Structures are given as C-alpha cells and as structure tokens.
PDB file of N, CA and C in Angstrom:
ATOM      1  N   MET A   1       5.204  18.993 -13.344  1.00  0.00           N
ATOM      2  CA  MET A   1       5.352  18.290 -12.085  1.00  0.00           C
ATOM      3  C   MET A   1       5.277  19.300 -10.931  1.00  0.00           C
ATOM      4  N   LYS A   2       4.521  18.977  -9.937  1.00  0.00           N
ATOM      5  CA  LYS A   2       4.357  19.833  -8.760  1.00  0.00           C
ATOM      6  C   LYS A   2       5.613  19.765  -7.894  1.00  0.00           C
ATOM      7  N   ARG A   3       6.003  20.917  -7.365  1.00  0.00           N
ATOM      8  CA  ARG A   3       7.153  20.991  -6.463  1.00  0.00           C
ATOM      9  C   ARG A   3       6.690  21.476  -5.091  1.00  0.00           C
ATOM     10  N   TYR A   4       7.396  21.000  -4.084  1.00  0.00           N
ATOM     11  CA  TYR A   4       7.128  21.394  -2.706  1.00  0.00           C
ATOM     12  C   TYR A   4       8.435  21.870  -2.099  1.00  0.00           C
ATOM     13  N   TYR A   5       8.347  22.866  -1.235  1.00  0.00           N
ATOM     14  CA  TYR A   5       9.531  23.534  -0.721  1.00  0.00           C
ATOM     15  C   TYR A   5       9.536  23.512   0.801  1.00  0.00           C
ATOM     16  N   VAL A   6      10.672  23.129   1.351  1.00  0.00           N
ATOM     17  CA  VAL A   6      10.926  23.264   2.781  1.00  0.00           C
ATOM     18  C   VAL A   6      11.941  24.382   2.897  1.00  0.00           C
ATOM     19  N   TYR A   7      11.668  25.328   3.776  1.00  0.00           N
ATOM     20  CA  TYR A   7      12.510  26.513   3.815  1.00  0.00           C
ATOM     21  C   TYR A   7      12.739  26.982   5.245  1.00  0.00           C
ATOM     22  N   ILE A   8      13.806  27.766   5.396  1.00  0.00           N
ATOM     23  CA  ILE A   8      14.071  28.431   6.662  1.00  0.00           C
ATOM     24  C   ILE A   8      14.136  29.923   6.379  1.00  0.00           C
ATOM     25  N   LEU A   9      13.385  30.671   7.177  1.00  0.00           N
ATOM     26  CA  LEU A   9      13.423  32.125   7.134  1.00  0.00           C
ATOM     27  C   LEU A   9      14.193  32.613   8.355  1.00  0.00           C
ATOM     28  N   ALA A  10      14.809  33.796   8.217  1.00  0.00           N
ATOM     29  CA  ALA A  10      15.510  34.414   9.341  1.00  0.00           C
ATOM     30  C   ALA A  10      15.149  35.885   9.408  1.00  0.00           C
ATOM     31  N   SER A  11      15.194  36.425  10.604  1.00  0.00           N
ATOM     32  CA  SER A  11      14.970  37.858  10.770  1.00  0.00           C
ATOM     33  C   SER A  11      16.217  38.628  10.355  1.00  0.00           C
ATOM     34  N   LYS A  12      17.381  38.018  10.580  1.00  0.00           N
ATOM     35  CA  LYS A  12      18.691  38.566  10.215  1.00  0.00           C
ATOM     36  C   LYS A  12      19.701  37.451  10.426  1.00  0.00           C
ATOM     37  N   ARG A  13      20.964  37.704  10.118  1.00  0.00           N
ATOM     38  CA  ARG A  13      22.001  36.703  10.339  1.00  0.00           C
ATOM     39  C   ARG A  13      21.995  36.293  11.815  1.00  0.00           C
ATOM     40  N   ASN A  14      21.907  34.994  12.057  1.00  0.00           N
ATOM     41  CA  ASN A  14      21.869  34.419  13.410  1.00  0.00           C
ATOM     42  C   ASN A  14      20.699  34.944  14.253  1.00  0.00           C
ATOM     43  N   GLY A  15      19.652  35.418  13.584  1.00  0.00           N
ATOM     44  CA  GLY A  15      18.487  35.943  14.289  1.00  0.00           C
ATOM     45  C   GLY A  15      17.430  34.878  14.518  1.00  0.00           C
ATOM     46  N   VAL A  16      16.205  35.317  14.610  1.00  0.00           N
ATOM     47  CA  VAL A  16      15.065  34.422  14.816  1.00  0.00           C
ATOM     48  C   VAL A  16      14.882  33.573  13.563  1.00  0.00           C
ATOM     49  N   LEU A  17      14.628  32.261  13.735  1.00  0.00           N
ATOM     50  CA  LEU A  17      14.457  31.340  12.611  1.00  0.00           C
ATOM     51  C   LEU A  17      13.039  30.784  12.588  1.00  0.00           C
ATOM     52  N   TYR A  18      12.589  30.475  11.369  1.00  0.00           N
ATOM     53  CA  TYR A  18      11.271  29.872  11.159  1.00  0.00           C
ATOM     54  C   TYR A  18      11.417  28.813  10.071  1.00  0.00           C
ATOM     55  N   VAL A  19      10.871  27.630  10.309  1.00  0.00           N
ATOM     56  CA  VAL A  19      10.891  26.543   9.325  1.00  0.00           C
ATOM     57  C   VAL A  19       9.487  26.371   8.786  1.00  0.00           C
ATOM     58  N   GLY A  20       9.364  26.290   7.459  1.00  0.00           N
ATOM     59  CA  GLY A  20       8.060  26.124   6.843  1.00  0.00           C
ATOM     60  C   GLY A  20       8.105  25.214   5.635  1.00  0.00           C
ATOM     61  N   MET A  21       6.917  24.894   5.098  1.00  0.00           N
ATOM     62  CA  MET A  21       6.774  24.067   3.910  1.00  0.00           C
ATOM     63  C   MET A  21       5.623  24.634   3.099  1.00  0.00           C
ATOM     64  N   THR A  22       5.785  24.651   1.776  1.00  0.00           N
ATOM     65  CA  THR A  22       4.730  25.166   0.901  1.00  0.00           C
ATOM     66  C   THR A  22       4.813  24.520  -0.468  1.00  0.00           C
ATOM     67  N   GLY A  23       3.723  24.585  -1.188  1.00  0.00           N
ATOM     68  CA  GLY A  23       3.680  24.138  -2.571  1.00  0.00           C
ATOM     69  C   GLY A  23       3.753  25.311  -3.537  1.00  0.00           C
ATOM     70  N   ASN A  24       3.746  26.532  -3.004  1.00  0.00           N
ATOM     71  CA  ASN A  24       3.832  27.733  -3.847  1.00  0.00           C
ATOM     72  C   ASN A  24       4.745  28.740  -3.158  1.00  0.00           C
ATOM     73  N   LEU A  25       6.037  28.602  -3.385  1.00  0.00           N
ATOM     74  CA  LEU A  25       7.014  29.422  -2.676  1.00  0.00           C
ATOM     75  C   LEU A  25       6.906  30.908  -2.996  1.00  0.00           C
ATOM     76  N   PRO A  26       6.752  31.305  -4.251  1.00  0.00           N
ATOM     77  CA  PRO A  26       6.642  32.759  -4.509  1.00  0.00           C
ATOM     78  C   PRO A  26       5.466  33.399  -3.761  1.00  0.00           C
ATOM     79  N   MET A  27       4.315  32.739  -3.769  1.00  0.00           N
ATOM     80  CA  MET A  27       3.148  33.284  -3.080  1.00  0.00           C
ATOM     81  C   MET A  27       3.370  33.309  -1.562  1.00  0.00           C
ATOM     82  N   ARG A  28       3.973  32.259  -1.042  1.00  0.00           N
ATOM     83  CA  ARG A  28       4.215  32.180   0.399  1.00  0.00           C
ATOM     84  C   ARG A  28       5.211  33.245   0.843  1.00  0.00           C
ATOM     85  N   MET A  29       6.263  33.463   0.042  1.00  0.00           N
ATOM     86  CA  MET A  29       7.253  34.488   0.385  1.00  0.00           C
ATOM     87  C   MET A  29       6.615  35.877   0.346  1.00  0.00           C
ATOM     88  N   LYS A  30       5.749  36.103  -0.619  1.00  0.00           N
ATOM     89  CA  LYS A  30       5.052  37.394  -0.703  1.00  0.00           C
ATOM     90  C   LYS A  30       4.224  37.612   0.566  1.00  0.00           C
ATOM     91  N   ALA A  31       3.536  36.577   1.005  1.00  0.00           N
ATOM     92  CA  ALA A  31       2.724  36.677   2.221  1.00  0.00           C
ATOM     93  C   ALA A  31       3.597  36.974   3.440  1.00  0.00           C
ATOM     94  N   HIS A  32       4.744  36.296   3.538  1.00  0.00           N
ATOM     95  CA  HIS A  32       5.659  36.554   4.661  1.00  0.00           C
ATOM     96  C   HIS A  32       6.163  37.998   4.628  1.00  0.00           C
ATOM     97  N   LYS A  33       6.606  38.444   3.474  1.00  0.00           N
ATOM     98  CA  LYS A  33       7.211  39.774   3.352  1.00  0.00           C
ATOM     99  C   LYS A  33       6.197  40.899   3.550  1.00  0.00           C
ATOM    100  N   GLU A  34       4.955  40.661   3.184  1.00  0.00           N
ATOM    101  CA  GLU A  34       3.912  41.680   3.338  1.00  0.00           C
ATOM    102  C   GLU A  34       3.175  41.551   4.672  1.00  0.00           C
ATOM    103  N   HIS A  35       3.618  40.616   5.516  1.00  0.00           N
ATOM    104  CA  HIS A  35       2.981  40.376   6.815  1.00  0.00           C
ATOM    105  C   HIS A  35       1.477  40.152   6.647  1.00  0.00           C
ATOM    106  N   ALA A  36       1.134  39.403   5.595  1.00  0.00           N
ATOM    107  CA  ALA A  36      -0.265  39.163   5.253  1.00  0.00           C
ATOM    108  C   ALA A  36      -0.938  38.150   6.175  1.00  0.00           C
ATOM    109  N   VAL A  37      -0.138  37.363   6.861  1.00  0.00           N
ATOM    110  CA  VAL A  37      -0.687  36.351   7.759  1.00  0.00           C
ATOM    111  C   VAL A  37      -0.201  36.642   9.174  1.00  0.00           C
ATOM    112  N   GLU A  38      -1.143  36.790  10.086  1.00  0.00           N
ATOM    113  CA  GLU A  38      -0.769  37.040  11.472  1.00  0.00           C
ATOM    114  C   GLU A  38      -0.096  35.805  12.051  1.00  0.00           C
ATOM    115  N   GLY A  39       0.871  36.021  12.897  1.00  0.00           N
ATOM    116  CA  GLY A  39       1.525  34.903  13.544  1.00  0.00           C
ATOM    117  C   GLY A  39       2.985  35.177  13.816  1.00  0.00           C
ATOM    118  N   PHE A  40       3.721  34.099  13.958  1.00  0.00           N
ATOM    119  CA  PHE A  40       5.123  34.143  14.373  1.00  0.00           C
ATOM    120  C   PHE A  40       5.978  35.016  13.459  1.00  0.00           C
ATOM    121  N   THR A  41       5.908  34.784  12.148  1.00  0.00           N
ATOM    122  CA  THR A  41       6.791  35.521  11.235  1.00  0.00           C
ATOM    123  C   THR A  41       6.459  37.001  11.203  1.00  0.00           C
ATOM    124  N   GLU A  42       5.204  37.339  11.368  1.00  0.00           N
ATOM    125  CA  GLU A  42       4.819  38.753  11.414  1.00  0.00           C
ATOM    126  C   GLU A  42       5.308  39.383  12.718  1.00  0.00           C
ATOM    127  N   LYS A  43       5.089  38.706  13.812  1.00  0.00           N
ATOM    128  CA  LYS A  43       5.445  39.243  15.131  1.00  0.00           C
ATOM    129  C   LYS A  43       6.942  39.496  15.265  1.00  0.00           C
ATOM    130  N   TYR A  44       7.766  38.593  14.716  1.00  0.00           N
ATOM    131  CA  TYR A  44       9.216  38.687  14.885  1.00  0.00           C
ATOM    132  C   TYR A  44       9.950  39.162  13.620  1.00  0.00           C
ATOM    133  N   PHE A  45       9.207  39.643  12.628  1.00  0.00           N
ATOM    134  CA  PHE A  45       9.786  40.175  11.385  1.00  0.00           C
ATOM    135  C   PHE A  45      10.732  39.168  10.725  1.00  0.00           C
ATOM    136  N   VAL A  46      10.258  37.948  10.597  1.00  0.00           N
ATOM    137  CA  VAL A  46      11.045  36.865  10.004  1.00  0.00           C
ATOM    138  C   VAL A  46      10.580  36.700   8.563  1.00  0.00           C
ATOM    139  N   HIS A  47      11.360  37.210   7.610  1.00  0.00           N
ATOM    140  CA  HIS A  47      10.929  37.160   6.212  1.00  0.00           C
ATOM    141  C   HIS A  47      12.072  37.029   5.217  1.00  0.00           C
ATOM    142  N   LYS A  48      13.256  36.705   5.681  1.00  0.00           N
ATOM    143  CA  LYS A  48      14.422  36.561   4.810  1.00  0.00           C
ATOM    144  C   LYS A  48      14.643  35.067   4.523  1.00  0.00           C
ATOM    145  N   LEU A  49      14.475  34.663   3.276  1.00  0.00           N
ATOM    146  CA  LEU A  49      14.646  33.258   2.881  1.00  0.00           C
ATOM    147  C   LEU A  49      16.137  32.926   2.821  1.00  0.00           C
ATOM    148  N   VAL A  50      16.606  32.086   3.755  1.00  0.00           N
ATOM    149  CA  VAL A  50      18.039  31.801   3.838  1.00  0.00           C
ATOM    150  C   VAL A  50      18.396  30.340   3.563  1.00  0.00           C
ATOM    151  N   TYR A  51      17.398  29.464   3.476  1.00  0.00           N
ATOM    152  CA  TYR A  51      17.655  28.037   3.249  1.00  0.00           C
ATOM    153  C   TYR A  51      16.460  27.435   2.521  1.00  0.00           C
ATOM    154  N   LEU A  52      16.745  26.483   1.635  1.00  0.00           N
ATOM    155  CA  LEU A  52      15.672  25.916   0.821  1.00  0.00           C
ATOM    156  C   LEU A  52      16.007  24.510   0.365  1.00  0.00           C
ATOM    157  N   GLU A  53      15.010  23.640   0.396  1.00  0.00           N
ATOM    158  CA  GLU A  53      15.093  22.306  -0.198  1.00  0.00           C
ATOM    159  C   GLU A  53      13.844  22.113  -1.053  1.00  0.00           C
ATOM    160  N   VAL A  54      13.985  21.421  -2.189  1.00  0.00           N
ATOM    161  CA  VAL A  54      12.887  21.221  -3.137  1.00  0.00           C
ATOM    162  C   VAL A  54      12.565  19.723  -3.229  1.00  0.00           C
ATOM    163  N   PHE A  55      11.275  19.408  -3.260  1.00  0.00           N
ATOM    164  CA  PHE A  55      10.811  18.021  -3.321  1.00  0.00           C
ATOM    165  C   PHE A  55       9.733  17.861  -4.378  1.00  0.00           C
ATOM    166  N   ASP A  56       9.639  16.665  -4.946  1.00  0.00           N
ATOM    167  CA  ASP A  56       8.578  16.334  -5.891  1.00  0.00           C
ATOM    168  C   ASP A  56       7.384  15.692  -5.177  1.00  0.00           C
ATOM    169  N   SER A  57       7.585  15.297  -3.941  1.00  0.00           N
ATOM    170  CA  SER A  57       6.544  14.603  -3.170  1.00  0.00           C
ATOM    171  C   SER A  57       6.150  15.435  -1.948  1.00  0.00           C
ATOM    172  N   VAL A  58       4.865  15.667  -1.781  1.00  0.00           N
ATOM    173  CA  VAL A  58       4.392  16.405  -0.608  1.00  0.00           C
ATOM    174  C   VAL A  58       4.706  15.615   0.666  1.00  0.00           C
ATOM    175  N   TYR A  59       4.610  14.315   0.597  1.00  0.00           N
ATOM    176  CA  TYR A  59       4.917  13.481   1.760  1.00  0.00           C
ATOM    177  C   TYR A  59       6.367  13.676   2.196  1.00  0.00           C
ATOM    178  N   ASN A  60       7.294  13.641   1.227  1.00  0.00           N
ATOM    179  CA  ASN A  60       8.709  13.824   1.552  1.00  0.00           C
ATOM    180  C   ASN A  60       8.979  15.220   2.103  1.00  0.00           C
ATOM    181  N   ALA A  61       8.310  16.223   1.559  1.00  0.00           N
ATOM    182  CA  ALA A  61       8.489  17.600   2.032  1.00  0.00           C
ATOM    183  C   ALA A  61       7.994  17.749   3.471  1.00  0.00           C
ATOM    184  N   ILE A  62       6.828  17.198   3.754  1.00  0.00           N
ATOM    185  CA  ILE A  62       6.287  17.281   5.115  1.00  0.00           C
ATOM    186  C   ILE A  62       7.194  16.544   6.099  1.00  0.00           C
ATOM    187  N   THR A  63       7.670  15.380   5.705  1.00  0.00           N
ATOM    188  CA  THR A  63       8.579  14.601   6.553  1.00  0.00           C
ATOM    189  C   THR A  63       9.849  15.397   6.842  1.00  0.00           C
ATOM    190  N   ARG A  64      10.408  16.010   5.813  1.00  0.00           N
ATOM    191  CA  ARG A  64      11.642  16.789   5.982  1.00  0.00           C
ATOM    192  C   ARG A  64      11.396  18.021   6.856  1.00  0.00           C
ATOM    193  N   GLU A  65      10.271  18.698   6.656  1.00  0.00           N
ATOM    194  CA  GLU A  65       9.955  19.863   7.487  1.00  0.00           C
ATOM    195  C   GLU A  65       9.917  19.455   8.963  1.00  0.00           C
ATOM    196  N   LYS A  66       9.272  18.340   9.259  1.00  0.00           N
ATOM    197  CA  LYS A  66       9.181  17.870  10.640  1.00  0.00           C
ATOM    198  C   LYS A  66      10.562  17.541  11.194  1.00  0.00           C
ATOM    199  N   GLN A  67      11.441  16.957  10.353  1.00  0.00           N
ATOM    200  CA  GLN A  67      12.803  16.654  10.795  1.00  0.00           C
ATOM    201  C   GLN A  67      13.551  17.928  11.161  1.00  0.00           C
ATOM    202  N   ILE A  68      13.508  18.915  10.263  1.00  0.00           N
ATOM    203  CA  ILE A  68      14.250  20.159  10.486  1.00  0.00           C
ATOM    204  C   ILE A  68      13.706  20.900  11.698  1.00  0.00           C
ATOM    205  N   LYS A  69      12.396  20.882  11.887  1.00  0.00           N
ATOM    206  CA  LYS A  69      11.816  21.556  13.055  1.00  0.00           C
ATOM    207  C   LYS A  69      12.323  20.954  14.364  1.00  0.00           C
ATOM    208  N   LYS A  70      12.696  19.681  14.348  1.00  0.00           N
ATOM    209  CA  LYS A  70      13.219  19.025  15.552  1.00  0.00           C
ATOM    210  C   LYS A  70      14.705  19.297  15.773  1.00  0.00           C
ATOM    211  N   TRP A  71      15.379  19.818  14.759  1.00  0.00           N
ATOM    212  CA  TRP A  71      16.814  20.085  14.881  1.00  0.00           C
ATOM    213  C   TRP A  71      17.091  21.116  15.965  1.00  0.00           C
ATOM    214  N   LYS A  72      18.259  21.003  16.568  1.00  0.00           N
ATOM    215  CA  LYS A  72      18.741  22.048  17.457  1.00  0.00           C
ATOM    216  C   LYS A  72      19.050  23.287  16.626  1.00  0.00           C
ATOM    217  N   ARG A  73      19.000  24.431  17.259  1.00  0.00           N
ATOM    218  CA  ARG A  73      19.250  25.699  16.570  1.00  0.00           C
ATOM    219  C   ARG A  73      20.602  25.706  15.857  1.00  0.00           C
ATOM    220  N   ASP A  74      21.644  25.209  16.519  1.00  0.00           N
ATOM    221  CA  ASP A  74      22.973  25.244  15.895  1.00  0.00           C
ATOM    222  C   ASP A  74      23.036  24.354  14.651  1.00  0.00           C
ATOM    223  N   TRP A  75      22.239  23.297  14.593  1.00  0.00           N
ATOM    224  CA  TRP A  75      22.189  22.467  13.385  1.00  0.00           C
ATOM    225  C   TRP A  75      21.572  23.256  12.230  1.00  0.00           C
ATOM    226  N   LYS A  76      20.509  24.014  12.530  1.00  0.00           N
ATOM    227  CA  LYS A  76      19.875  24.839  11.493  1.00  0.00           C
ATOM    228  C   LYS A  76      20.847  25.903  10.993  1.00  0.00           C
ATOM    229  N   ILE A  77      21.548  26.532  11.907  1.00  0.00           N
ATOM    230  CA  ILE A  77      22.509  27.567  11.517  1.00  0.00           C
ATOM    231  C   ILE A  77      23.623  26.964  10.676  1.00  0.00           C
ATOM    232  N   ARG A  78      24.083  25.789  11.029  1.00  0.00           N
ATOM    233  CA  ARG A  78      25.126  25.115  10.241  1.00  0.00           C
ATOM    234  C   ARG A  78      24.624  24.821   8.826  1.00  0.00           C
ATOM    235  N   ALA A  79      23.393  24.345   8.700  1.00  0.00           N
ATOM    236  CA  ALA A  79      22.819  24.052   7.378  1.00  0.00           C
ATOM    237  C   ALA A  79      22.714  25.333   6.543  1.00  0.00           C
ATOM    238  N   ILE A  80      22.273  26.416   7.172  1.00  0.00           N
ATOM    239  CA  ILE A  80      22.183  27.697   6.468  1.00  0.00           C
ATOM    240  C   ILE A  80      23.569  28.137   6.016  1.00  0.00           C
ATOM    241  N   ASN A  81      24.547  28.070   6.903  1.00  0.00           N
ATOM    242  CA  ASN A  81      25.911  28.494   6.563  1.00  0.00           C
ATOM    243  C   ASN A  81      26.510  27.680   5.424  1.00  0.00           C
ATOM    244  N   GLU A  82      26.178  26.402   5.352  1.00  0.00           N
ATOM    245  CA  GLU A  82      26.689  25.552   4.266  1.00  0.00           C
ATOM    246  C   GLU A  82      26.047  25.911   2.935  1.00  0.00           C
ATOM    247  N   MET A  83      24.742  26.194   2.933  1.00  0.00           N
ATOM    248  CA  MET A  83      24.036  26.511   1.690  1.00  0.00           C
ATOM    249  C   MET A  83      24.195  27.977   1.305  1.00  0.00           C
ATOM    250  N   ASN A  84      24.207  28.850   2.288  1.00  0.00           N
ATOM    251  CA  ASN A  84      24.099  30.282   2.041  1.00  0.00           C
ATOM    252  C   ASN A  84      24.966  31.036   3.063  1.00  0.00           C
ATOM    253  N   PRO A  85      26.292  30.956   2.914  1.00  0.00           N
ATOM    254  CA  PRO A  85      27.184  31.514   3.933  1.00  0.00           C
ATOM    255  C   PRO A  85      27.029  33.014   4.186  1.00  0.00           C
ATOM    256  N   GLU A  86      26.513  33.742   3.226  1.00  0.00           N
ATOM    257  CA  GLU A  86      26.320  35.184   3.404  1.00  0.00           C
ATOM    258  C   GLU A  86      24.936  35.523   3.960  1.00  0.00           C
ATOM    259  N   TRP A  87      24.100  34.517   4.142  1.00  0.00           N
ATOM    260  CA  TRP A  87      22.738  34.702   4.625  1.00  0.00           C
ATOM    261  C   TRP A  87      21.984  35.686   3.735  1.00  0.00           C
ATOM    262  N   GLU A  88      22.188  35.565   2.421  1.00  0.00           N
ATOM    263  CA  GLU A  88      21.471  36.402   1.465  1.00  0.00           C
ATOM    264  C   GLU A  88      20.000  35.983   1.431  1.00  0.00           C
ATOM    265  N   ASP A  89      19.134  36.922   1.076  1.00  0.00           N
ATOM    266  CA  ASP A  89      17.727  36.592   0.889  1.00  0.00           C
ATOM    267  C   ASP A  89      17.593  35.925  -0.473  1.00  0.00           C
ATOM    268  N   LEU A  90      17.468  34.612  -0.475  1.00  0.00           N
ATOM    269  CA  LEU A  90      17.428  33.847  -1.721  1.00  0.00           C
ATOM    270  C   LEU A  90      16.236  34.220  -2.592  1.00  0.00           C
ATOM    271  N   SER A  91      15.171  34.703  -1.977  1.00  0.00           N
ATOM    272  CA  SER A  91      13.985  35.057  -2.751  1.00  0.00           C
ATOM    273  C   SER A  91      14.197  36.322  -3.594  1.00  0.00           C
ATOM    274  N   GLU A  92      15.252  37.053  -3.322  1.00  0.00           N
ATOM    275  CA  GLU A  92      15.531  38.275  -4.068  1.00  0.00           C
ATOM    276  C   GLU A  92      16.562  38.089  -5.187  1.00  0.00           C
ATOM    277  N   LYS A  93      17.058  36.864  -5.353  1.00  0.00           N
ATOM    278  CA  LYS A  93      18.027  36.595  -6.411  1.00  0.00           C
ATOM    279  C   LYS A  93      17.317  36.506  -7.763  1.00  0.00           C
ATOM    280  N   ASP A  94      17.937  37.053  -8.788  1.00  0.00           N
ATOM    281  CA  ASP A  94      17.376  37.014 -10.138  1.00  0.00           C
ATOM    282  C   ASP A  94      17.152  35.572 -10.590  1.00  0.00           C
ATOM    283  N   GLY A  95      15.962  35.296 -11.107  1.00  0.00           N
ATOM    284  CA  GLY A  95      15.646  33.982 -11.650  1.00  0.00           C
ATOM    285  C   GLY A  95      15.474  32.890 -10.622  1.00  0.00           C
ATOM    286  N   PHE A  96      15.408  33.256  -9.367  1.00  0.00           N
ATOM    287  CA  PHE A  96      15.359  32.237  -8.309  1.00  0.00           C
ATOM    288  C   PHE A  96      14.164  31.318  -8.443  1.00  0.00           C
ATOM    289  N   PHE A  97      13.018  31.833  -8.833  1.00  0.00           N
ATOM    290  CA  PHE A  97      11.804  31.032  -8.873  1.00  0.00           C
ATOM    291  C   PHE A  97      11.565  30.373 -10.217  1.00  0.00           C
ATOM    292  N   LEU A  98      12.510  30.406 -11.115  1.00  0.00           N
ATOM    293  CA  LEU A  98      12.331  29.783 -12.430  1.00  0.00           C
ATOM    294  C   LEU A  98      12.527  28.295 -12.352  1.00  0.00           C
TER     295      LEU A  98
END
C-alpha cells in the first residue's frame, strides 16, 4: 500500500518552519538535507524533520497539507511540541522509515 506523508521541517527549535507533502519521505528528506533542490528550505537551512502525519490517500494528504499551511505559526509550534517536545530530527531515529 502506498503511503503519503505530510511533514513539518524546522531550521532549529522555534526557528523557520516549512510544511510539505511527499510520497517518498526518505528520498525527500535526503534532498532537503543535501540542499539538492533550490528554494525555501535551501535558502533558510530548513532540514530538521520535527512533525509527521502518514496517509494512505494522496487526496487526504494534500488536503491536510493545505490545512496545516493555513495554520497560524503558534498552532504549528503547538502541534510539534505535542508530537515531538524535544524537537528531535525524526528522520535520524533508528528504524524511522520502516
């Protein structure tokens, strides 16, 4: 079954935030971390995965990404703090992508 991911990246705790959606999270995180794609995340060094939601439907993932992008900054920070209070880089946790 195909999975789709809505995620929030941060430059650091309470730093610059970026909301994205992908169908291949390991590849997308590699691109962010290696600054392989020019744009916002490269310019502001936003590559720490601090929040994540998983979906089986691309439609639901896109809908959720659009919702989160409309959130106020403090709502995003609250969501991150609830899921990941230490603001750890989730992409660096052992077995995270299994």
